[in-house]
Amino acid sequence: MGNPLTQAAVHISLDKTALPSSFTLKEGGFVFVRVLGKTPEGKTLVSFAGQRFAVETMSQAKVGETFKARIQIQNNRILLVPQKGSETIVTQSDRLSQLFASIGLPQDSVSEKMIQYMRQNNRTYTPAQLKKLRKLAERFSGKKSEAAETAMYLEDKGISATEEDTELMLNLLLSDKHSPVTQMKSSNPTKDIPVLEKLYSNPEEAVKNDTGLLTLVNHAAKGEKHWIVLPFKKTIKNQQCSGTIRILCDIITKNAEKTYITASFEDCRYHFTFSDTDHYNNVLTVEYAVSPSLPSLQKEKAEKLLRSCISAVDKQINIEYKENLLHDLFADSTLPVQTVDEEI
């Protein structure tokens, strides 16, 4: 009996239009494919090259299976053909061990998050740069993964990630306090007013304000993907709700690829992601998590409430509860780490 990984699917098939504009798959190249599950329409949900896709398979594929597939392009369709023979099968653990050993990083959740950020945001770092950022993240006890993401985010904007700047951004992303994110010192008392209050009550003064770190990172874009961070406050039932909205923009297509929302309200912290990357099946994916965690019955009620609040023209809405969102800032930790073996 053959290896079940190579028998998972004769081939995986998807239309080229399902791929983001920045994607270029090479005929004869290889990718590592991971089977994630099924869509409501019966298609198979897989990930490869750091992205998720709903695809057609010619035979049953089991959730969690990972296999190496050769890329074929036929009649404007992408075919991913699993390679037979145990010698072509490399486990996720083996590939990660090889990757981290080649870089010189410890194999743990912090290093994995750094690679996930790099792959998912189409960024390139040298081993020396990754080691430097990892060393910086080590100074943030209990928040190392989040600090690593934040430092990489700053570096992507052309800002050298110092401990001070990383802490400024991290406090904005993780805390409920929305003071101006700036390094500038001033004796002007109006500069101590939270930035949102100033924008609403005195926009002229806000425009004159010194450029701070948040302003800089929101305007600096490198490459095809650009993150924008927007803090917000809103009073609901005499209680203040505050948080941040993080939007990943595709500069080429001028679309919002993914939106993260984190909000604190009534001693709870809410996390949401909205992603519209499954163009093939016109699916809007909504993921959410709440801290403290919700019991099963409350999750069902929350899903019904979300479904009643969200509408998308000509799109199916897929809602999932994912605990990992509590620690994700700019990278999805549920996606497998794309290693150097995954060629695109």
Protein backbone atom coordinates (compact mmCIF):
# COMPACT_ATOMS: atom_id res chain seq x y z
CA MET A 1 0.00 0.00 0.00
CA GLY A 2 1.42 3.38 -1.00
CA ASN A 3 2.05 6.40 1.12
CA PRO A 4 -1.35 7.98 1.99
CA LEU A 5 0.09 11.45 1.45
CA THR A 6 0.77 10.76 -2.22
CA GLN A 7 -2.66 9.16 -2.59
CA ALA A 8 -4.49 12.15 -1.09
CA ALA A 9 -5.26 13.64 -4.49
CA VAL A 10 -4.47 12.76 -8.07
CA HIS A 11 -4.13 16.46 -8.63
CA ILE A 12 -5.32 19.78 -7.27
CA SER A 13 -6.87 22.11 -9.79
CA LEU A 14 -7.70 25.82 -9.62
CA ASP A 15 -8.25 28.64 -12.08
CA LYS A 16 -5.35 31.05 -12.58
CA THR A 17 -7.71 33.95 -11.81
CA ALA A 18 -7.93 32.66 -8.23
CA LEU A 19 -4.32 33.66 -7.68
CA PRO A 20 -3.42 37.14 -6.39
CA SER A 21 -1.91 39.46 -8.99
CA SER A 22 1.50 39.23 -7.31
CA PHE A 23 1.55 35.42 -7.62
CA THR A 24 3.61 33.81 -10.39
CA LEU A 25 3.74 30.01 -10.38
CA LYS A 26 6.40 28.50 -12.61
CA GLU A 27 5.66 25.54 -14.86
CA GLY A 28 7.61 22.56 -13.53
CA GLY A 29 8.26 24.16 -10.15
CA PHE A 30 7.27 22.67 -6.79
CA VAL A 31 5.19 23.74 -3.81
CA PHE A 32 4.37 22.02 -0.53
CA VAL A 33 0.62 21.66 -0.11
CA ARG A 34 -1.22 21.31 3.18
CA VAL A 35 -4.86 20.17 3.35
CA LEU A 36 -6.84 22.42 5.72
CA GLY A 37 -10.44 21.23 5.34
CA LYS A 38 -13.58 21.56 3.24
CA THR A 39 -15.61 24.57 2.11
CA PRO A 40 -19.42 24.57 2.44
CA GLU A 41 -19.60 23.96 -1.34
CA GLY A 42 -17.58 20.76 -1.00
CA LYS A 43 -14.30 22.07 -2.37
CA THR A 44 -11.02 21.34 -0.59
CA LEU A 45 -9.34 24.14 1.35
CA VAL A 46 -5.55 23.97 1.01
CA SER A 47 -2.58 26.21 1.62
CA PHE A 48 0.62 26.58 -0.39
CA ALA A 49 3.13 29.37 -0.89
CA GLY A 50 1.78 31.09 2.23
CA GLN A 51 -1.79 31.48 0.91
CA ARG A 52 -5.11 29.64 1.24
CA PHE A 53 -7.14 28.44 -1.73
CA ALA A 54 -10.39 26.55 -2.27
CA VAL A 55 -9.58 23.98 -4.95
CA GLU A 56 -10.96 20.97 -6.79
CA THR A 57 -9.44 17.55 -6.10
CA MET A 58 -9.86 14.34 -8.06
CA SER A 59 -9.97 12.17 -4.92
CA GLN A 60 -10.46 12.54 -1.18
CA ALA A 61 -7.83 14.51 0.73
CA LYS A 62 -7.51 14.22 4.52
CA VAL A 63 -7.16 17.27 6.74
CA GLY A 64 -3.57 17.77 7.92
CA GLU A 65 -1.89 15.95 5.05
CA THR A 66 1.16 17.65 3.56
CA PHE A 67 2.79 16.70 0.28
CA LYS A 68 5.10 18.05 -2.40
CA ALA A 69 3.41 18.86 -5.71
CA ARG A 70 4.72 19.74 -9.15
CA ILE A 71 3.17 22.77 -10.90
CA GLN A 72 1.55 22.25 -14.30
CA ILE A 73 -0.32 24.93 -16.26
CA GLN A 74 -3.00 23.76 -18.70
CA ASN A 75 -5.67 25.86 -20.43
CA ASN A 76 -5.41 28.72 -17.94
CA ARG A 77 -5.70 26.34 -14.99
CA ILE A 78 -3.13 25.49 -12.35
CA LEU A 79 -2.62 21.79 -11.64
CA LEU A 80 -0.66 20.69 -8.57
CA VAL A 81 0.37 17.08 -9.07
CA PRO A 82 1.56 15.23 -5.92
CA GLN A 83 4.94 13.56 -6.36
CA LYS A 84 4.88 9.84 -5.76
CA GLY A 85 7.53 8.05 -3.73
CA SER A 86 8.47 8.51 -0.11
CA GLU A 87 11.68 10.27 -1.06
CA THR A 88 9.68 13.32 -2.17
CA ILE A 89 7.71 13.55 1.08
CA VAL A 90 9.20 15.85 3.70
CA THR A 91 7.34 16.40 6.95
CA GLN A 92 6.56 19.89 8.18
CA SER A 93 8.71 19.27 11.25
CA ASP A 94 11.71 18.19 9.13
CA ARG A 95 11.44 21.22 6.88
CA LEU A 96 11.17 23.60 9.83
CA SER A 97 14.17 22.04 11.53
CA GLN A 98 16.23 22.41 8.36
CA LEU A 99 15.08 25.98 7.87
CA PHE A 100 15.83 27.21 11.39
CA ALA A 101 19.16 25.36 11.45
CA SER A 102 20.22 27.10 8.24
CA ILE A 103 19.28 30.50 9.67
CA GLY A 104 20.67 29.90 13.15
CA LEU A 105 17.41 30.65 15.00
CA PRO A 106 15.91 28.51 17.78
CA GLN A 107 12.90 26.51 16.61
CA ASP A 108 10.04 27.94 18.67
CA SER A 109 6.84 29.95 18.28
CA VAL A 110 8.72 33.27 18.07
CA SER A 111 10.92 32.16 15.18
CA GLU A 112 7.96 30.55 13.43
CA LYS A 113 5.98 33.78 13.68
CA MET A 114 8.91 35.69 12.18
CA ILE A 115 9.04 33.36 9.17
CA GLN A 116 5.25 33.49 8.82
CA TYR A 117 5.37 37.28 8.80
CA MET A 118 8.14 37.28 6.21
CA ARG A 119 6.41 34.83 3.87
CA GLN A 120 2.88 36.21 4.22
CA ASN A 121 4.00 39.79 3.64
CA ASN A 122 6.38 38.96 0.76
CA ARG A 123 9.44 40.28 2.62
CA THR A 124 13.05 39.15 2.47
CA TYR A 125 15.49 39.22 5.38
CA THR A 126 19.02 37.92 5.72
CA PRO A 127 19.83 35.47 8.55
CA ALA A 128 21.79 38.28 10.25
CA GLN A 129 18.76 40.60 10.14
CA LEU A 130 16.47 37.90 11.53
CA LYS A 131 18.88 37.20 14.38
CA LYS A 132 19.05 40.90 15.21
CA LEU A 133 15.25 41.22 15.28
CA ARG A 134 14.95 38.04 17.33
CA LYS A 135 17.44 39.45 19.87
CA LEU A 136 15.32 42.61 20.12
CA ALA A 137 12.13 40.60 20.65
CA GLU A 138 13.78 38.71 23.52
CA ARG A 139 13.63 41.92 25.59
CA PHE A 140 9.83 41.81 25.67
CA SER A 141 9.03 39.12 28.23
CA GLY A 142 5.65 37.49 27.65
CA LYS A 143 5.21 39.33 24.32
CA LYS A 144 8.14 38.06 22.27
CA SER A 145 6.13 36.95 19.22
CA GLU A 146 4.15 40.18 19.14
CA ALA A 147 7.34 42.22 19.55
CA ALA A 148 9.01 40.31 16.72
CA GLU A 149 6.08 41.04 14.40
CA THR A 150 6.04 44.70 15.37
CA ALA A 151 9.78 45.10 14.87
CA MET A 152 9.55 43.49 11.41
CA TYR A 153 6.62 45.78 10.59
CA LEU A 154 8.74 48.84 11.43
CA GLU A 155 11.69 47.53 9.44
CA ASP A 156 9.43 47.03 6.43
CA LYS A 157 8.56 50.73 6.60
CA GLY A 158 12.23 51.67 6.42
CA ILE A 159 12.40 52.46 10.16
CA SER A 160 15.21 50.90 12.17
CA ALA A 161 13.40 48.90 14.87
CA THR A 162 14.78 50.20 18.15
CA GLU A 163 13.50 48.95 21.48
CA GLU A 164 11.81 52.32 22.09
CA ASP A 165 9.97 52.43 18.76
CA THR A 166 8.94 48.79 19.02
CA GLU A 167 7.54 49.41 22.50
CA LEU A 168 5.63 52.49 21.30
CA MET A 169 3.92 50.57 18.50
CA LEU A 170 3.40 47.47 20.63
CA ASN A 171 1.67 49.51 23.33
CA LEU A 172 -0.70 50.94 20.72
CA LEU A 173 -1.50 47.50 19.31
CA LEU A 174 -1.94 45.68 22.62
CA SER A 175 -3.19 48.31 25.08
CA ASP A 176 -6.38 50.33 25.33
CA LYS A 177 -4.58 53.68 25.60
CA HIS A 178 -4.46 55.74 22.46
CA SER A 179 -2.10 58.58 23.18
CA PRO A 180 -0.22 59.97 20.17
CA VAL A 181 2.42 57.47 19.07
CA THR A 182 5.37 59.84 18.76
CA GLN A 183 8.90 60.31 19.96
CA MET A 184 8.64 64.10 19.86
CA LYS A 185 8.90 66.00 23.15
CA SER A 186 7.05 69.30 23.48
CA SER A 187 6.09 71.79 26.15
CA ASN A 188 2.85 72.54 24.32
CA PRO A 189 0.07 71.11 26.54
CA THR A 190 -2.24 70.55 23.55
CA LYS A 191 0.12 67.88 22.30
CA ASP A 192 -0.83 65.69 25.26
CA ILE A 193 -4.42 65.41 24.03
CA PRO A 194 -5.11 61.94 22.54
CA VAL A 195 -4.77 62.10 18.77
CA LEU A 196 -8.38 61.09 17.97
CA GLU A 197 -9.87 63.70 20.29
CA LYS A 198 -7.66 66.31 18.68
CA LEU A 199 -8.71 65.27 15.18
CA TYR A 200 -12.40 65.59 16.03
CA SER A 201 -12.30 68.69 18.21
CA ASN A 202 -9.47 70.67 16.62
CA PRO A 203 -8.39 69.33 13.23
CA GLU A 204 -6.34 72.44 12.43
CA GLU A 205 -4.19 71.83 15.51
CA ALA A 206 -3.89 68.14 14.62
CA VAL A 207 -2.57 69.00 11.15
CA LYS A 208 0.10 71.23 12.70
CA ASN A 209 1.19 68.48 15.08
CA ASP A 210 4.68 67.01 14.68
CA THR A 211 4.83 63.88 12.57
CA GLY A 212 4.84 60.89 14.89
CA LEU A 213 5.76 57.26 14.45
CA LEU A 214 2.21 56.15 13.58
CA THR A 215 1.92 58.82 10.88
CA LEU A 216 5.23 57.72 9.42
CA VAL A 217 4.46 53.99 9.24
CA ASN A 218 1.03 54.60 7.72
CA HIS A 219 2.53 56.65 4.89
CA ALA A 220 5.65 54.60 4.21
CA ALA A 221 5.02 51.76 1.74
CA LYS A 222 7.55 49.27 0.37
CA GLY A 223 6.73 46.56 -2.13
CA GLU A 224 3.27 45.41 -3.19
CA LYS A 225 1.75 45.04 0.30
CA HIS A 226 1.17 47.89 2.72
CA TRP A 227 -0.20 47.77 6.29
CA ILE A 228 -2.19 50.71 7.68
CA VAL A 229 -2.86 50.96 11.44
CA LEU A 230 -5.83 53.02 12.64
CA PRO A 231 -6.64 53.44 16.36
CA PHE A 232 -10.27 54.10 17.29
CA LYS A 233 -12.53 54.94 20.22
CA LYS A 234 -16.30 54.69 20.51
CA THR A 235 -18.73 55.01 23.41
CA ILE A 236 -21.28 52.18 23.59
CA LYS A 237 -23.83 52.01 26.42
CA ASN A 238 -21.83 54.58 28.39
CA GLN A 239 -18.79 52.29 28.13
CA GLN A 240 -15.71 53.13 26.10
CA CYS A 241 -14.74 50.72 23.34
CA SER A 242 -11.24 51.22 21.96
CA GLY A 243 -8.86 49.32 19.77
CA THR A 244 -7.07 49.28 16.43
CA ILE A 245 -7.94 48.49 12.84
CA ARG A 246 -5.11 47.01 10.77
CA ILE A 247 -5.61 46.87 7.01
CA LEU A 248 -3.38 45.00 4.57
CA CYS A 249 -3.58 46.75 1.20
CA ASP A 250 -2.53 45.34 -2.14
CA ILE A 251 -0.82 48.30 -3.82
CA ILE A 252 -1.08 46.75 -7.29
CA THR A 253 -4.79 45.90 -7.29
CA LYS A 254 -5.68 48.72 -4.86
CA ASN A 255 -7.72 46.29 -2.74
CA ALA A 256 -7.90 45.60 0.98
CA GLU A 257 -6.61 42.02 1.20
CA LYS A 258 -7.16 41.52 4.92
CA THR A 259 -8.51 43.55 7.84
CA TYR A 260 -7.74 42.89 11.52
CA ILE A 261 -9.82 44.53 14.22
CA THR A 262 -8.93 44.38 17.91
CA ALA A 263 -11.29 46.02 20.42
CA SER A 264 -11.61 46.16 24.21
CA PHE A 265 -15.05 46.56 25.73
CA GLU A 266 -16.55 45.70 29.14
CA ASP A 267 -13.49 43.78 30.39
CA CYS A 268 -13.38 41.66 27.21
CA ARG A 269 -11.02 41.79 24.27
CA TYR A 270 -12.41 41.03 20.83
CA HIS A 271 -10.42 40.05 17.75
CA PHE A 272 -11.70 39.84 14.18
CA THR A 273 -10.17 39.25 10.76
CA PHE A 274 -11.90 39.81 7.44
CA SER A 275 -10.16 38.32 4.40
CA ASP A 276 -11.26 38.28 0.78
CA THR A 277 -8.51 36.20 -0.80
CA ASP A 278 -10.67 33.30 -2.05
CA HIS A 279 -11.60 34.85 -5.40
CA TYR A 280 -12.33 31.46 -6.95
CA ASN A 281 -15.35 30.75 -4.74
CA ASN A 282 -16.29 34.35 -3.85
CA VAL A 283 -16.00 33.67 -0.13
CA LEU A 284 -15.55 36.33 2.54
CA THR A 285 -13.85 34.69 5.53
CA VAL A 286 -14.53 36.14 8.98
CA GLU A 287 -12.49 34.82 11.92
CA TYR A 288 -12.94 35.92 15.51
CA ALA A 289 -11.82 35.26 19.07
CA VAL A 290 -12.72 36.65 22.48
CA SER A 291 -10.65 36.89 25.65
CA PRO A 292 -11.67 35.50 28.13
CA SER A 293 -12.63 32.60 25.88
CA LEU A 294 -16.28 31.88 25.10
CA PRO A 295 -18.05 28.59 25.93
CA SER A 296 -19.46 26.65 22.97
CA LEU A 297 -23.01 27.94 23.37
CA GLN A 298 -21.81 31.55 23.43
CA LYS A 299 -19.73 30.93 20.30
CA GLU A 300 -22.86 29.77 18.47
CA LYS A 301 -24.73 32.91 19.54
CA ALA A 302 -21.80 35.11 18.57
CA GLU A 303 -21.65 33.51 15.11
CA LYS A 304 -25.36 34.13 14.53
CA LEU A 305 -24.94 37.74 15.61
CA LEU A 306 -21.96 38.25 13.32
CA ARG A 307 -23.80 36.68 10.40
CA SER A 308 -26.72 39.04 10.93
CA CYS A 309 -24.40 42.07 11.01
CA ILE A 310 -22.24 41.30 7.98
CA SER A 311 -23.32 41.43 4.38
CA ALA A 312 -21.29 40.91 1.21
CA VAL A 313 -22.72 41.26 -2.27
CA ASP A 314 -22.51 38.01 -4.26
CA LYS A 315 -20.25 36.42 -1.65
CA GLN A 316 -20.71 33.62 0.79
CA ILE A 317 -19.69 34.42 4.36
CA ASN A 318 -17.58 31.85 6.21
CA ILE A 319 -17.33 32.49 9.99
CA GLU A 320 -14.84 30.65 12.21
CA TYR A 321 -13.76 30.97 15.86
CA LYS A 322 -9.95 30.90 16.13
CA GLU A 323 -8.19 31.25 19.46
CA ASN A 324 -4.85 32.08 17.81
CA LEU A 325 -6.12 35.52 16.80
CA LEU A 326 -5.46 36.68 20.36
CA HIS A 327 -1.74 36.79 19.53
CA ASP A 328 -1.70 37.65 15.80
CA LEU A 329 -0.84 41.21 14.75
CA PHE A 330 0.31 41.08 11.11
CA ALA A 331 0.63 37.36 10.31
CA ASP A 332 -1.75 34.38 10.50
CA SER A 333 -0.21 31.78 12.82
CA THR A 334 -2.57 29.04 11.56
CA LEU A 335 -0.97 28.99 8.13
CA PRO A 336 1.91 26.52 7.84
CA VAL A 337 5.37 28.06 7.67
CA GLN A 338 6.42 28.31 4.05
CA THR A 339 10.02 27.14 3.86
CA VAL A 340 12.74 27.66 1.30
CA ASP A 341 11.66 24.41 -0.42
CA GLU A 342 8.39 25.99 -1.57
CA GLU A 343 9.21 27.44 -4.96
CA ILE A 344 6.89 29.89 -6.70
